Amino acid sequence: MKISFLFAILLFIFLCGVVILWLVLKRSDIREVRDIEIGSHVLRVEVARTLFSRARGLSYRKTLHNESGMLFVFNTPNTYSFWMRGMNFPLDFIWIRNGRIIDITENVRPESFFFPRRVYSPKEPADMVLEVNAGRVRELGIGIEDTVQFKR
């Protein structure tokens, strides 16, 4: 009798924890959408600022509109690593620090969900990473030292 009562209490605590975690993650998944300017080009981007939204990124989406992207924002510059787990299409990574492009990784291919083989990092610390469809960097003529800024 004591064991089943203890089990019921532990199960209740566990389920409460799961519900609280779900609510926190659901709240942290609200994404901000902004326009950014790179040179003379304007892109509409989803801004991923939370741990959960950055971890999920663009995974599991079927496509990404050509004039859009996802901007990952970090509090401090670092050589953050990215993978292509759960991705359905290739991307270009644009690594940014203090509003300037510091590195570019082009045509990053999707990988297996369970066994990603590669992670991608910038050559030097970045505080933002912009993901766009593969080929957009070349199409738009984006290069190192180009400025990136939020539009008002």
N, C-alpha and C. Protein backbone atom coordinates (compact mmCIF):
# COMPACT_ATOMS: atom_id res chain seq x y z
N MET A 1 0.82 -1.19 0.00
CA MET A 1 0.00 0.00 0.00
C MET A 1 0.87 1.25 0.00
N LYS A 2 1.93 1.27 0.84
CA LYS A 2 2.81 2.43 0.91
C LYS A 2 3.53 2.65 -0.41
N ILE A 3 3.93 1.57 -1.07
CA ILE A 3 4.67 1.69 -2.33
C ILE A 3 3.79 2.28 -3.42
N SER A 4 2.55 1.85 -3.53
CA SER A 4 1.67 2.37 -4.58
C SER A 4 1.33 3.84 -4.32
N PHE A 5 1.18 4.23 -3.05
CA PHE A 5 0.92 5.63 -2.72
C PHE A 5 2.14 6.48 -3.07
N LEU A 6 3.33 6.02 -2.75
CA LEU A 6 4.56 6.73 -3.08
C LEU A 6 4.72 6.83 -4.60
N PHE A 7 4.41 5.74 -5.29
CA PHE A 7 4.48 5.75 -6.76
C PHE A 7 3.51 6.78 -7.34
N ALA A 8 2.32 6.85 -6.81
CA ALA A 8 1.32 7.81 -7.29
C ALA A 8 1.79 9.25 -7.08
N ILE A 9 2.40 9.52 -5.93
CA ILE A 9 2.92 10.87 -5.66
C ILE A 9 4.05 11.20 -6.62
N LEU A 10 4.98 10.26 -6.82
CA LEU A 10 6.09 10.50 -7.75
C LEU A 10 5.60 10.69 -9.18
N LEU A 11 4.62 9.92 -9.58
CA LEU A 11 4.04 10.06 -10.91
C LEU A 11 3.38 11.43 -11.06
N PHE A 12 2.66 11.86 -10.04
CA PHE A 12 2.02 13.18 -10.07
C PHE A 12 3.07 14.29 -10.19
N ILE A 13 4.14 14.21 -9.43
CA ILE A 13 5.21 15.21 -9.48
C ILE A 13 5.86 15.21 -10.86
N PHE A 14 6.11 14.03 -11.40
CA PHE A 14 6.70 13.92 -12.73
C PHE A 14 5.80 14.56 -13.78
N LEU A 15 4.51 14.23 -13.74
CA LEU A 15 3.58 14.79 -14.73
C LEU A 15 3.46 16.31 -14.60
N CYS A 16 3.47 16.82 -13.39
CA CYS A 16 3.47 18.28 -13.19
C CYS A 16 4.71 18.90 -13.80
N GLY A 17 5.85 18.24 -13.63
CA GLY A 17 7.09 18.74 -14.21
C GLY A 17 7.03 18.75 -15.73
N VAL A 18 6.46 17.71 -16.31
CA VAL A 18 6.33 17.64 -17.77
C VAL A 18 5.44 18.76 -18.27
N VAL A 19 4.33 19.01 -17.60
CA VAL A 19 3.42 20.08 -18.01
C VAL A 19 4.11 21.44 -17.90
N ILE A 20 4.82 21.68 -16.81
CA ILE A 20 5.53 22.95 -16.63
C ILE A 20 6.60 23.12 -17.71
N LEU A 21 7.36 22.06 -17.98
CA LEU A 21 8.38 22.12 -19.02
C LEU A 21 7.74 22.41 -20.37
N TRP A 22 6.64 21.76 -20.69
CA TRP A 22 5.95 21.99 -21.95
C TRP A 22 5.50 23.44 -22.06
N LEU A 23 4.94 24.01 -20.98
CA LEU A 23 4.50 25.40 -21.00
C LEU A 23 5.67 26.36 -21.20
N VAL A 24 6.79 26.09 -20.54
CA VAL A 24 7.98 26.94 -20.69
C VAL A 24 8.50 26.87 -22.12
N LEU A 25 8.61 25.65 -22.66
CA LEU A 25 9.11 25.50 -24.03
C LEU A 25 8.15 26.10 -25.04
N LYS A 26 6.86 25.96 -24.82
CA LYS A 26 5.87 26.53 -25.73
C LYS A 26 5.98 28.05 -25.73
N ARG A 27 6.15 28.63 -24.57
CA ARG A 27 6.29 30.09 -24.46
C ARG A 27 7.59 30.55 -25.10
N SER A 28 8.66 29.78 -24.96
CA SER A 28 9.95 30.20 -25.49
C SER A 28 10.04 30.01 -27.00
N ASP A 29 9.04 29.34 -27.59
CA ASP A 29 9.08 29.08 -29.02
C ASP A 29 8.45 30.21 -29.84
N ILE A 30 7.92 31.22 -29.19
CA ILE A 30 7.35 32.34 -29.92
C ILE A 30 8.48 33.07 -30.61
N ARG A 31 8.37 33.18 -31.93
CA ARG A 31 9.45 33.77 -32.71
C ARG A 31 9.09 35.16 -33.17
N GLU A 32 10.08 35.98 -33.12
CA GLU A 32 9.99 37.35 -33.61
C GLU A 32 10.30 37.33 -35.11
N VAL A 33 9.58 38.09 -35.91
CA VAL A 33 9.85 38.20 -37.34
C VAL A 33 10.27 39.64 -37.62
N ARG A 34 11.41 39.79 -38.27
CA ARG A 34 11.96 41.13 -38.56
C ARG A 34 12.50 41.17 -39.98
N ASP A 35 12.64 42.38 -40.49
CA ASP A 35 13.33 42.59 -41.76
C ASP A 35 14.76 42.99 -41.45
N ILE A 36 15.69 42.38 -42.18
CA ILE A 36 17.09 42.78 -42.05
C ILE A 36 17.60 43.21 -43.42
N GLU A 37 18.60 44.05 -43.39
CA GLU A 37 19.19 44.55 -44.62
C GLU A 37 20.65 44.10 -44.69
N ILE A 38 20.99 43.47 -45.82
CA ILE A 38 22.37 43.08 -46.09
C ILE A 38 22.73 43.77 -47.39
N GLY A 39 23.61 44.76 -47.30
CA GLY A 39 23.89 45.56 -48.49
C GLY A 39 22.62 46.24 -48.93
N SER A 40 22.19 46.02 -50.17
CA SER A 40 20.96 46.63 -50.67
C SER A 40 19.79 45.64 -50.67
N HIS A 41 19.98 44.48 -50.06
CA HIS A 41 18.94 43.44 -50.06
C HIS A 41 18.24 43.38 -48.71
N VAL A 42 16.92 43.20 -48.75
CA VAL A 42 16.13 43.07 -47.54
C VAL A 42 15.57 41.65 -47.48
N LEU A 43 15.76 41.01 -46.34
CA LEU A 43 15.22 39.66 -46.11
C LEU A 43 14.33 39.69 -44.89
N ARG A 44 13.24 38.96 -44.93
CA ARG A 44 12.36 38.80 -43.78
C ARG A 44 12.83 37.56 -43.03
N VAL A 45 13.21 37.70 -41.78
CA VAL A 45 13.78 36.59 -41.03
C VAL A 45 13.01 36.33 -39.75
N GLU A 46 12.98 35.06 -39.37
CA GLU A 46 12.52 34.69 -38.04
C GLU A 46 13.72 34.80 -37.12
N VAL A 47 13.54 35.43 -35.99
CA VAL A 47 14.64 35.61 -35.05
C VAL A 47 14.52 34.57 -33.95
N ALA A 48 15.53 33.73 -33.84
CA ALA A 48 15.57 32.68 -32.82
C ALA A 48 16.50 33.14 -31.70
N ARG A 49 15.92 33.52 -30.57
CA ARG A 49 16.71 34.03 -29.44
C ARG A 49 16.78 33.05 -28.28
N THR A 50 15.83 32.12 -28.20
CA THR A 50 15.78 31.21 -27.05
C THR A 50 16.52 29.92 -27.35
N LEU A 51 16.91 29.23 -26.32
CA LEU A 51 17.61 27.95 -26.47
C LEU A 51 16.77 26.98 -27.28
N PHE A 52 15.49 26.88 -26.99
CA PHE A 52 14.63 25.93 -27.69
C PHE A 52 14.47 26.31 -29.16
N SER A 53 14.21 27.58 -29.46
CA SER A 53 14.01 27.96 -30.87
C SER A 53 15.31 27.86 -31.65
N ARG A 54 16.45 28.10 -31.01
CA ARG A 54 17.74 27.93 -31.70
C ARG A 54 18.04 26.45 -31.93
N ALA A 55 17.69 25.59 -30.97
CA ALA A 55 17.96 24.16 -31.13
C ALA A 55 17.12 23.56 -32.25
N ARG A 56 15.89 23.99 -32.38
CA ARG A 56 15.03 23.46 -33.43
C ARG A 56 15.32 24.11 -34.78
N GLY A 57 15.58 25.41 -34.78
CA GLY A 57 15.91 26.10 -36.01
C GLY A 57 14.92 25.85 -37.12
N LEU A 58 15.41 25.52 -38.30
CA LEU A 58 14.56 25.25 -39.46
C LEU A 58 14.29 23.76 -39.66
N SER A 59 14.69 22.95 -38.70
CA SER A 59 14.48 21.50 -38.82
C SER A 59 13.00 21.17 -39.05
N TYR A 60 12.77 20.14 -39.84
CA TYR A 60 11.46 19.56 -40.11
C TYR A 60 10.61 20.39 -41.07
N ARG A 61 11.06 21.54 -41.50
CA ARG A 61 10.29 22.31 -42.47
C ARG A 61 10.52 21.74 -43.86
N LYS A 62 9.52 21.89 -44.69
CA LYS A 62 9.63 21.38 -46.06
C LYS A 62 10.41 22.35 -46.95
N THR A 63 10.19 23.65 -46.77
CA THR A 63 10.84 24.66 -47.61
C THR A 63 11.08 25.93 -46.81
N LEU A 64 11.81 26.85 -47.43
CA LEU A 64 12.03 28.18 -46.89
C LEU A 64 11.85 29.16 -48.03
N HIS A 65 11.02 30.16 -47.84
CA HIS A 65 10.79 31.15 -48.89
C HIS A 65 12.12 31.80 -49.26
N ASN A 66 12.31 32.09 -50.53
CA ASN A 66 13.60 32.58 -51.03
C ASN A 66 13.99 33.94 -50.48
N GLU A 67 13.03 34.76 -50.08
CA GLU A 67 13.35 36.09 -49.54
C GLU A 67 13.32 36.11 -48.03
N SER A 68 13.51 34.94 -47.42
CA SER A 68 13.46 34.87 -45.96
C SER A 68 14.63 34.04 -45.44
N GLY A 69 14.67 33.89 -44.13
CA GLY A 69 15.71 33.12 -43.49
C GLY A 69 15.44 33.02 -42.00
N MET A 70 16.40 32.47 -41.28
CA MET A 70 16.31 32.43 -39.82
C MET A 70 17.59 33.02 -39.26
N LEU A 71 17.43 33.97 -38.34
CA LEU A 71 18.55 34.64 -37.71
C LEU A 71 18.66 34.15 -36.27
N PHE A 72 19.77 33.51 -35.96
CA PHE A 72 20.04 33.02 -34.61
C PHE A 72 20.83 34.10 -33.88
N VAL A 73 20.31 34.55 -32.76
CA VAL A 73 20.94 35.64 -32.01
C VAL A 73 21.45 35.10 -30.68
N PHE A 74 22.72 35.42 -30.39
CA PHE A 74 23.36 34.97 -29.15
C PHE A 74 23.78 36.19 -28.33
N ASN A 75 23.84 36.02 -27.01
CA ASN A 75 24.21 37.13 -26.12
C ASN A 75 25.67 37.52 -26.23
N THR A 76 26.53 36.54 -26.46
CA THR A 76 27.96 36.83 -26.53
C THR A 76 28.56 36.13 -27.76
N PRO A 77 29.57 36.73 -28.37
CA PRO A 77 30.22 36.09 -29.51
C PRO A 77 30.93 34.80 -29.08
N ASN A 78 30.83 33.78 -29.94
CA ASN A 78 31.50 32.51 -29.70
C ASN A 78 31.52 31.74 -31.02
N THR A 79 32.24 30.64 -31.06
CA THR A 79 32.26 29.80 -32.26
C THR A 79 31.17 28.74 -32.12
N TYR A 80 29.92 29.18 -32.16
CA TYR A 80 28.77 28.29 -32.02
C TYR A 80 28.76 27.27 -33.16
N SER A 81 28.34 26.06 -32.83
CA SER A 81 28.29 24.98 -33.82
C SER A 81 26.85 24.72 -34.26
N PHE A 82 26.70 24.44 -35.54
CA PHE A 82 25.39 24.14 -36.12
C PHE A 82 25.48 22.80 -36.84
N TRP A 83 24.35 22.10 -36.89
CA TRP A 83 24.27 20.85 -37.62
C TRP A 83 23.05 20.89 -38.53
N MET A 84 22.90 19.87 -39.33
CA MET A 84 21.78 19.82 -40.29
C MET A 84 20.82 18.68 -39.97
N ARG A 85 20.72 18.33 -38.71
CA ARG A 85 19.82 17.27 -38.28
C ARG A 85 18.36 17.67 -38.53
N GLY A 86 17.62 16.79 -39.17
CA GLY A 86 16.19 17.04 -39.40
C GLY A 86 15.90 18.03 -40.52
N MET A 87 16.91 18.41 -41.27
CA MET A 87 16.71 19.39 -42.35
C MET A 87 16.25 18.69 -43.62
N ASN A 88 15.46 19.40 -44.41
CA ASN A 88 14.93 18.86 -45.66
C ASN A 88 15.48 19.57 -46.89
N PHE A 89 16.32 20.57 -46.70
CA PHE A 89 16.86 21.32 -47.83
C PHE A 89 18.21 21.92 -47.42
N PRO A 90 19.09 22.20 -48.39
CA PRO A 90 20.41 22.76 -48.07
C PRO A 90 20.34 24.25 -47.75
N LEU A 91 21.34 24.72 -47.02
CA LEU A 91 21.39 26.12 -46.56
C LEU A 91 22.76 26.74 -46.80
N ASP A 92 22.77 28.06 -46.79
CA ASP A 92 24.00 28.85 -46.64
C ASP A 92 23.98 29.43 -45.23
N PHE A 93 25.11 29.39 -44.53
CA PHE A 93 25.24 30.00 -43.21
C PHE A 93 26.03 31.29 -43.36
N ILE A 94 25.51 32.36 -42.80
CA ILE A 94 26.19 33.66 -42.80
C ILE A 94 26.49 34.00 -41.35
N TRP A 95 27.76 34.02 -41.00
CA TRP A 95 28.21 34.23 -39.62
C TRP A 95 28.46 35.73 -39.44
N ILE A 96 27.89 36.31 -38.37
CA ILE A 96 27.89 37.76 -38.18
C ILE A 96 28.41 38.10 -36.78
N ARG A 97 29.19 39.16 -36.70
CA ARG A 97 29.59 39.70 -35.40
C ARG A 97 29.54 41.22 -35.48
N ASN A 98 28.87 41.82 -34.51
CA ASN A 98 28.76 43.28 -34.43
C ASN A 98 28.27 43.90 -35.74
N GLY A 99 27.29 43.24 -36.38
CA GLY A 99 26.69 43.81 -37.56
C GLY A 99 27.49 43.67 -38.85
N ARG A 100 28.54 42.84 -38.83
CA ARG A 100 29.35 42.61 -40.04
C ARG A 100 29.51 41.11 -40.27
N ILE A 101 29.49 40.73 -41.54
CA ILE A 101 29.67 39.33 -41.88
C ILE A 101 31.15 38.97 -41.71
N ILE A 102 31.40 37.93 -40.92
CA ILE A 102 32.79 37.53 -40.64
C ILE A 102 33.16 36.21 -41.31
N ASP A 103 32.15 35.42 -41.73
CA ASP A 103 32.43 34.14 -42.36
C ASP A 103 31.16 33.70 -43.09
N ILE A 104 31.33 32.85 -44.08
CA ILE A 104 30.21 32.30 -44.84
C ILE A 104 30.49 30.82 -45.10
N THR A 105 29.48 29.99 -44.87
CA THR A 105 29.56 28.57 -45.19
C THR A 105 28.44 28.29 -46.18
N GLU A 106 28.80 27.92 -47.40
CA GLU A 106 27.80 27.77 -48.45
C GLU A 106 27.44 26.31 -48.70
N ASN A 107 26.20 26.13 -49.16
CA ASN A 107 25.68 24.85 -49.62
C ASN A 107 25.87 23.72 -48.61
N VAL A 108 25.36 23.93 -47.43
CA VAL A 108 25.42 22.92 -46.37
C VAL A 108 24.25 21.96 -46.59
N ARG A 109 24.56 20.69 -46.78
CA ARG A 109 23.58 19.68 -47.16
C ARG A 109 22.91 19.05 -45.94
N PRO A 110 21.62 18.66 -46.08
CA PRO A 110 20.93 17.94 -45.00
C PRO A 110 21.61 16.62 -44.69
N GLU A 111 21.44 16.17 -43.45
CA GLU A 111 22.00 14.88 -43.03
C GLU A 111 20.95 14.05 -42.33
N SER A 112 21.32 12.84 -42.01
CA SER A 112 20.45 11.92 -41.30
C SER A 112 20.02 12.52 -39.96
N PHE A 113 18.77 12.27 -39.61
CA PHE A 113 18.25 12.77 -38.33
C PHE A 113 19.01 12.17 -37.16
N PHE A 114 19.28 10.88 -37.22
CA PHE A 114 19.86 10.19 -36.07
C PHE A 114 21.38 10.32 -35.97
N PHE A 115 22.05 10.44 -37.10
CA PHE A 115 23.51 10.43 -37.08
C PHE A 115 24.11 11.57 -37.88
N PRO A 116 23.95 12.82 -37.43
CA PRO A 116 24.62 13.90 -38.17
C PRO A 116 26.13 13.71 -38.09
N ARG A 117 26.79 13.83 -39.22
CA ARG A 117 28.23 13.59 -39.28
C ARG A 117 29.05 14.85 -39.10
N ARG A 118 28.47 15.98 -39.42
CA ARG A 118 29.25 17.21 -39.42
C ARG A 118 28.58 18.28 -38.58
N VAL A 119 29.40 19.10 -37.99
CA VAL A 119 28.94 20.34 -37.37
C VAL A 119 29.71 21.47 -38.04
N TYR A 120 29.10 22.63 -38.09
CA TYR A 120 29.67 23.78 -38.78
C TYR A 120 29.83 24.92 -37.79
N SER A 121 31.00 25.55 -37.82
CA SER A 121 31.32 26.67 -36.94
C SER A 121 32.05 27.73 -37.74
N PRO A 122 31.98 28.99 -37.29
CA PRO A 122 32.71 30.04 -38.00
C PRO A 122 34.20 29.98 -37.69
N LYS A 123 34.99 30.67 -38.51
CA LYS A 123 36.44 30.72 -38.30
C LYS A 123 36.80 31.56 -37.08
N GLU A 124 35.90 32.47 -36.71
CA GLU A 124 36.11 33.31 -35.52
C GLU A 124 34.76 33.52 -34.84
N PRO A 125 34.75 33.99 -33.59
CA PRO A 125 33.50 34.11 -32.85
C PRO A 125 32.47 34.99 -33.55
N ALA A 126 31.21 34.54 -33.48
CA ALA A 126 30.07 35.26 -34.06
C ALA A 126 29.01 35.46 -32.97
N ASP A 127 28.19 36.51 -33.13
CA ASP A 127 27.08 36.70 -32.20
C ASP A 127 25.72 36.49 -32.88
N MET A 128 25.74 36.29 -34.21
CA MET A 128 24.52 35.96 -34.94
C MET A 128 24.89 35.03 -36.11
N VAL A 129 23.92 34.21 -36.48
CA VAL A 129 24.09 33.35 -37.64
C VAL A 129 22.79 33.45 -38.45
N LEU A 130 22.93 33.74 -39.72
CA LEU A 130 21.78 33.81 -40.61
C LEU A 130 21.79 32.60 -41.53
N GLU A 131 20.68 31.85 -41.52
CA GLU A 131 20.52 30.73 -42.43
C GLU A 131 19.56 31.14 -43.54
N VAL A 132 20.01 30.93 -44.79
CA VAL A 132 19.19 31.19 -45.96
C VAL A 132 19.30 29.99 -46.89
N ASN A 133 18.41 29.92 -47.88
CA ASN A 133 18.47 28.84 -48.85
C ASN A 133 19.84 28.79 -49.50
N ALA A 134 20.32 27.57 -49.75
CA ALA A 134 21.60 27.39 -50.42
C ALA A 134 21.58 28.11 -51.77
N GLY A 135 22.66 28.81 -52.06
CA GLY A 135 22.78 29.55 -53.30
C GLY A 135 22.43 31.02 -53.19
N ARG A 136 21.74 31.41 -52.11
CA ARG A 136 21.34 32.82 -51.96
C ARG A 136 22.53 33.74 -51.75
N VAL A 137 23.57 33.27 -51.08
CA VAL A 137 24.76 34.10 -50.86
C VAL A 137 25.33 34.53 -52.21
N ARG A 138 25.48 33.59 -53.12
CA ARG A 138 26.00 33.91 -54.47
C ARG A 138 25.02 34.77 -55.26
N GLU A 139 23.74 34.39 -55.22
CA GLU A 139 22.73 35.14 -55.98
C GLU A 139 22.68 36.61 -55.58
N LEU A 140 22.81 36.87 -54.27
CA LEU A 140 22.72 38.25 -53.77
C LEU A 140 24.07 38.94 -53.72
N GLY A 141 25.15 38.21 -54.00
CA GLY A 141 26.48 38.81 -53.96
C GLY A 141 26.93 39.18 -52.55
N ILE A 142 26.49 38.41 -51.57
CA ILE A 142 26.84 38.68 -50.17
C ILE A 142 28.28 38.26 -49.93
N GLY A 143 29.03 39.08 -49.20
CA GLY A 143 30.42 38.76 -48.94
C GLY A 143 30.88 39.14 -47.55
N ILE A 144 32.08 38.69 -47.21
CA ILE A 144 32.70 39.02 -45.93
C ILE A 144 32.81 40.54 -45.82
N GLU A 145 32.57 41.06 -44.62
CA GLU A 145 32.61 42.48 -44.29
C GLU A 145 31.34 43.25 -44.68
N ASP A 146 30.39 42.61 -45.39
CA ASP A 146 29.11 43.28 -45.65
C ASP A 146 28.43 43.55 -44.31
N THR A 147 27.65 44.64 -44.26
CA THR A 147 26.94 44.97 -43.03
C THR A 147 25.57 44.32 -43.01
N VAL A 148 25.13 44.01 -41.80
CA VAL A 148 23.81 43.43 -41.58
C VAL A 148 23.14 44.27 -40.51
N GLN A 149 21.93 44.76 -40.80
CA GLN A 149 21.25 45.56 -39.78
C GLN A 149 19.75 45.31 -39.84
N PHE A 150 19.12 45.47 -38.67
CA PHE A 150 17.67 45.35 -38.59
C PHE A 150 17.05 46.60 -39.20
N LYS A 151 15.98 46.41 -39.99
CA LYS A 151 15.24 47.54 -40.53
C LYS A 151 14.26 47.99 -39.45
N ARG A 152 13.92 49.22 -39.47
CA ARG A 152 12.96 49.77 -38.49
C ARG A 152 11.55 49.41 -38.86
